[in-house]
Amino acid sequence: MTTEGVTPVGRGRAKAKQIKVARKLKYYSPDTDLNRLQQELGADAHKSGPSDPYDDEPDYSAYADKYNVDDDDEYEN
């Protein structure tokens, strides 16, 4: 039930709180320990072993060049 000229009360506080939280998230920048983050991500430069897990795979590029068939020639006729 509303009366003419009077708006319902209660949405203003919720909206104000949402704006406050949004601004806090937008402008708050916590101190970040980049060295710790680097350790957690496993980007250690002194890590032993191959860096690429596919380095042990055999090289099949010669076979790809030898047996590669160009399918576009079939559609040109």
N, C-alpha and C. Protein backbone atom coordinates (compact mmCIF):
# COMPACT_ATOMS: atom_id res chain seq x y z
N MET A 1 0.85 -1.17 0.00
CA MET A 1 0.00 0.00 0.00
C MET A 1 0.89 1.23 0.00
N THR A 2 0.72 2.08 -1.00
CA THR A 2 1.51 3.31 -1.09
C THR A 2 0.57 4.50 -1.11
N THR A 3 1.08 5.57 -0.59
CA THR A 3 0.33 6.82 -0.58
C THR A 3 0.95 7.72 -1.64
N GLU A 4 0.17 8.59 -2.24
CA GLU A 4 0.70 9.47 -3.27
C GLU A 4 1.79 10.36 -2.70
N GLY A 5 2.91 10.44 -3.48
CA GLY A 5 4.01 11.30 -3.07
C GLY A 5 4.97 10.65 -2.09
N VAL A 6 4.71 9.43 -1.64
CA VAL A 6 5.58 8.75 -0.69
C VAL A 6 6.13 7.50 -1.36
N THR A 7 7.43 7.35 -1.33
CA THR A 7 8.05 6.15 -1.91
C THR A 7 8.31 5.14 -0.80
N PRO A 8 8.27 3.88 -1.13
CA PRO A 8 8.55 2.87 -0.11
C PRO A 8 9.96 3.02 0.44
N VAL A 9 10.13 2.73 1.71
CA VAL A 9 11.40 2.87 2.39
C VAL A 9 12.03 1.49 2.53
N GLY A 10 13.35 1.44 2.54
CA GLY A 10 14.02 0.18 2.79
C GLY A 10 15.02 -0.20 1.72
N ARG A 11 14.84 0.24 0.49
CA ARG A 11 15.76 -0.11 -0.57
C ARG A 11 17.01 0.76 -0.55
N GLY A 12 16.94 1.92 0.05
CA GLY A 12 18.07 2.85 0.07
C GLY A 12 19.26 2.32 0.82
N ARG A 13 19.03 1.73 1.99
CA ARG A 13 20.14 1.19 2.78
C ARG A 13 20.80 0.02 2.08
N ALA A 14 20.01 -0.84 1.47
CA ALA A 14 20.58 -1.99 0.76
C ALA A 14 21.43 -1.52 -0.42
N LYS A 15 20.91 -0.53 -1.15
CA LYS A 15 21.67 -0.01 -2.29
C LYS A 15 22.95 0.68 -1.82
N ALA A 16 22.88 1.42 -0.75
CA ALA A 16 24.06 2.10 -0.22
C ALA A 16 25.11 1.09 0.21
N LYS A 17 24.68 0.00 0.82
CA LYS A 17 25.62 -1.03 1.25
C LYS A 17 26.26 -1.71 0.04
N GLN A 18 25.46 -1.97 -1.00
CA GLN A 18 26.02 -2.57 -2.21
C GLN A 18 27.05 -1.66 -2.86
N ILE A 19 26.78 -0.37 -2.89
CA ILE A 19 27.71 0.59 -3.46
C ILE A 19 28.99 0.63 -2.64
N LYS A 20 28.85 0.60 -1.31
CA LYS A 20 30.02 0.62 -0.43
C LYS A 20 30.89 -0.61 -0.66
N VAL A 21 30.28 -1.77 -0.75
CA VAL A 21 31.02 -3.01 -0.97
C VAL A 21 31.69 -2.99 -2.34
N ALA A 22 30.97 -2.50 -3.35
CA ALA A 22 31.53 -2.45 -4.70
C ALA A 22 32.74 -1.52 -4.76
N ARG A 23 32.65 -0.39 -4.11
CA ARG A 23 33.79 0.55 -4.10
C ARG A 23 34.98 -0.05 -3.35
N LYS A 24 34.71 -0.74 -2.26
CA LYS A 24 35.78 -1.35 -1.49
C LYS A 24 36.50 -2.41 -2.33
N LEU A 25 35.74 -3.22 -3.06
CA LEU A 25 36.35 -4.23 -3.91
C LEU A 25 37.12 -3.60 -5.07
N LYS A 26 36.62 -2.50 -5.59
CA LYS A 26 37.25 -1.86 -6.73
C LYS A 26 38.57 -1.18 -6.37
N TYR A 27 38.60 -0.52 -5.24
CA TYR A 27 39.76 0.29 -4.90
C TYR A 27 40.69 -0.34 -3.88
N TYR A 28 40.33 -1.45 -3.30
CA TYR A 28 41.19 -2.09 -2.30
C TYR A 28 42.24 -2.93 -3.00
N SER A 29 43.49 -2.69 -2.71
CA SER A 29 44.56 -3.50 -3.29
C SER A 29 45.42 -4.04 -2.13
N PRO A 30 45.26 -5.30 -1.81
CA PRO A 30 46.03 -5.87 -0.72
C PRO A 30 47.51 -5.99 -1.08
N ASP A 31 48.36 -6.02 -0.07
CA ASP A 31 49.78 -6.21 -0.30
C ASP A 31 49.99 -7.64 -0.80
N THR A 32 50.63 -7.76 -1.94
CA THR A 32 50.85 -9.06 -2.55
C THR A 32 52.31 -9.41 -2.45
N ASP A 33 52.60 -10.59 -1.90
CA ASP A 33 53.96 -11.09 -1.84
C ASP A 33 54.24 -11.84 -3.14
N LEU A 34 54.87 -11.17 -4.09
CA LEU A 34 55.08 -11.74 -5.41
C LEU A 34 56.03 -12.93 -5.37
N ASN A 35 56.99 -12.91 -4.47
CA ASN A 35 57.91 -14.05 -4.37
C ASN A 35 57.17 -15.31 -3.90
N ARG A 36 56.28 -15.15 -2.95
CA ARG A 36 55.49 -16.28 -2.46
C ARG A 36 54.55 -16.79 -3.55
N LEU A 37 53.97 -15.88 -4.28
CA LEU A 37 53.08 -16.26 -5.38
C LEU A 37 53.84 -17.04 -6.44
N GLN A 38 55.05 -16.61 -6.74
CA GLN A 38 55.89 -17.30 -7.72
C GLN A 38 56.20 -18.72 -7.25
N GLN A 39 56.46 -18.89 -5.96
CA GLN A 39 56.73 -20.23 -5.42
C GLN A 39 55.49 -21.11 -5.51
N GLU A 40 54.33 -20.54 -5.21
CA GLU A 40 53.09 -21.32 -5.24
C GLU A 40 52.75 -21.75 -6.66
N LEU A 41 53.06 -20.92 -7.63
CA LEU A 41 52.76 -21.26 -9.01
C LEU A 41 53.78 -22.21 -9.61
N GLY A 42 54.86 -22.48 -8.90
CA GLY A 42 55.85 -23.42 -9.37
C GLY A 42 56.76 -22.86 -10.43
N ALA A 43 56.96 -21.58 -10.46
CA ALA A 43 57.83 -20.95 -11.45
C ALA A 43 59.23 -20.79 -10.88
N ASP A 44 59.75 -21.84 -10.31
CA ASP A 44 61.08 -21.79 -9.70
C ASP A 44 62.13 -21.98 -10.79
N ALA A 45 63.09 -21.06 -10.86
CA ALA A 45 64.13 -21.12 -11.88
C ALA A 45 65.12 -22.23 -11.62
N HIS A 46 65.25 -22.70 -10.38
CA HIS A 46 66.22 -23.73 -10.04
C HIS A 46 65.62 -25.13 -10.09
N LYS A 47 64.53 -25.27 -10.75
CA LYS A 47 63.84 -26.54 -10.84
C LYS A 47 64.62 -27.49 -11.74
N SER A 48 64.78 -28.73 -11.32
CA SER A 48 65.52 -29.69 -12.13
C SER A 48 64.56 -30.44 -13.04
N GLY A 49 65.09 -30.94 -14.14
CA GLY A 49 64.28 -31.70 -15.08
C GLY A 49 63.87 -30.85 -16.26
N PRO A 50 63.28 -31.51 -17.26
CA PRO A 50 62.89 -30.75 -18.45
C PRO A 50 61.74 -29.80 -18.16
N SER A 51 61.78 -28.65 -18.81
CA SER A 51 60.73 -27.68 -18.59
C SER A 51 59.48 -28.01 -19.40
N ASP A 52 59.67 -28.69 -20.53
CA ASP A 52 58.54 -29.05 -21.38
C ASP A 52 58.29 -30.55 -21.25
N PRO A 53 57.11 -30.96 -20.81
CA PRO A 53 56.87 -32.39 -20.63
C PRO A 53 56.87 -33.17 -21.95
N TYR A 54 56.78 -32.48 -23.09
CA TYR A 54 56.76 -33.15 -24.38
C TYR A 54 58.14 -33.23 -25.03
N ASP A 55 59.21 -32.85 -24.31
CA ASP A 55 60.55 -32.94 -24.86
C ASP A 55 60.97 -34.38 -25.11
N ASP A 56 60.42 -35.33 -24.38
CA ASP A 56 60.79 -36.72 -24.52
C ASP A 56 60.08 -37.40 -25.69
N GLU A 57 59.11 -36.74 -26.31
CA GLU A 57 58.36 -37.30 -27.41
C GLU A 57 59.24 -37.37 -28.67
N PRO A 58 59.10 -38.43 -29.47
CA PRO A 58 59.86 -38.49 -30.72
C PRO A 58 59.35 -37.44 -31.71
N ASP A 59 60.22 -37.06 -32.64
CA ASP A 59 59.89 -36.05 -33.63
C ASP A 59 59.21 -36.72 -34.83
N TYR A 60 57.92 -36.44 -35.00
CA TYR A 60 57.16 -37.02 -36.10
C TYR A 60 56.96 -36.05 -37.25
N SER A 61 57.66 -34.93 -37.25
CA SER A 61 57.44 -33.92 -38.29
C SER A 61 57.83 -34.44 -39.67
N ALA A 62 58.86 -35.31 -39.76
CA ALA A 62 59.25 -35.87 -41.06
C ALA A 62 58.12 -36.72 -41.63
N TYR A 63 57.45 -37.49 -40.78
CA TYR A 63 56.33 -38.31 -41.25
C TYR A 63 55.15 -37.43 -41.66
N ALA A 64 54.94 -36.36 -40.94
CA ALA A 64 53.84 -35.47 -41.28
C ALA A 64 54.06 -34.85 -42.65
N ASP A 65 55.30 -34.44 -42.94
CA ASP A 65 55.59 -33.87 -44.25
C ASP A 65 55.47 -34.91 -45.36
N LYS A 66 55.88 -36.14 -45.07
CA LYS A 66 55.87 -37.20 -46.08
C LYS A 66 54.46 -37.66 -46.42
N TYR A 67 53.61 -37.81 -45.42
CA TYR A 67 52.29 -38.39 -45.62
C TYR A 67 51.15 -37.37 -45.61
N ASN A 68 51.46 -36.11 -45.56
CA ASN A 68 50.42 -35.09 -45.55
C ASN A 68 49.80 -35.00 -46.93
N VAL A 69 48.48 -35.14 -47.00
CA VAL A 69 47.76 -35.08 -48.27
C VAL A 69 46.96 -33.79 -48.28
N ASP A 70 47.09 -33.07 -49.37
CA ASP A 70 46.35 -31.82 -49.50
C ASP A 70 44.95 -32.14 -50.00
N ASP A 71 43.96 -32.03 -49.15
CA ASP A 71 42.59 -32.37 -49.49
C ASP A 71 41.91 -31.34 -50.37
N ASP A 72 42.49 -30.16 -50.47
CA ASP A 72 41.87 -29.10 -51.27
C ASP A 72 41.90 -29.42 -52.76
N ASP A 73 42.87 -30.25 -53.21
CA ASP A 73 42.96 -30.60 -54.63
C ASP A 73 41.73 -31.37 -55.10
N GLU A 74 41.10 -32.14 -54.24
CA GLU A 74 39.93 -32.93 -54.62
C GLU A 74 38.75 -32.04 -54.99
N TYR A 75 38.64 -30.88 -54.39
CA TYR A 75 37.48 -30.03 -54.59
C TYR A 75 37.68 -29.03 -55.74
N GLU A 76 38.89 -28.92 -56.27
CA GLU A 76 39.14 -27.95 -57.34
C GLU A 76 38.64 -28.45 -58.68
N ASN A 77 38.48 -29.74 -58.87
CA ASN A 77 38.06 -30.29 -60.17
C ASN A 77 36.63 -30.05 -60.45
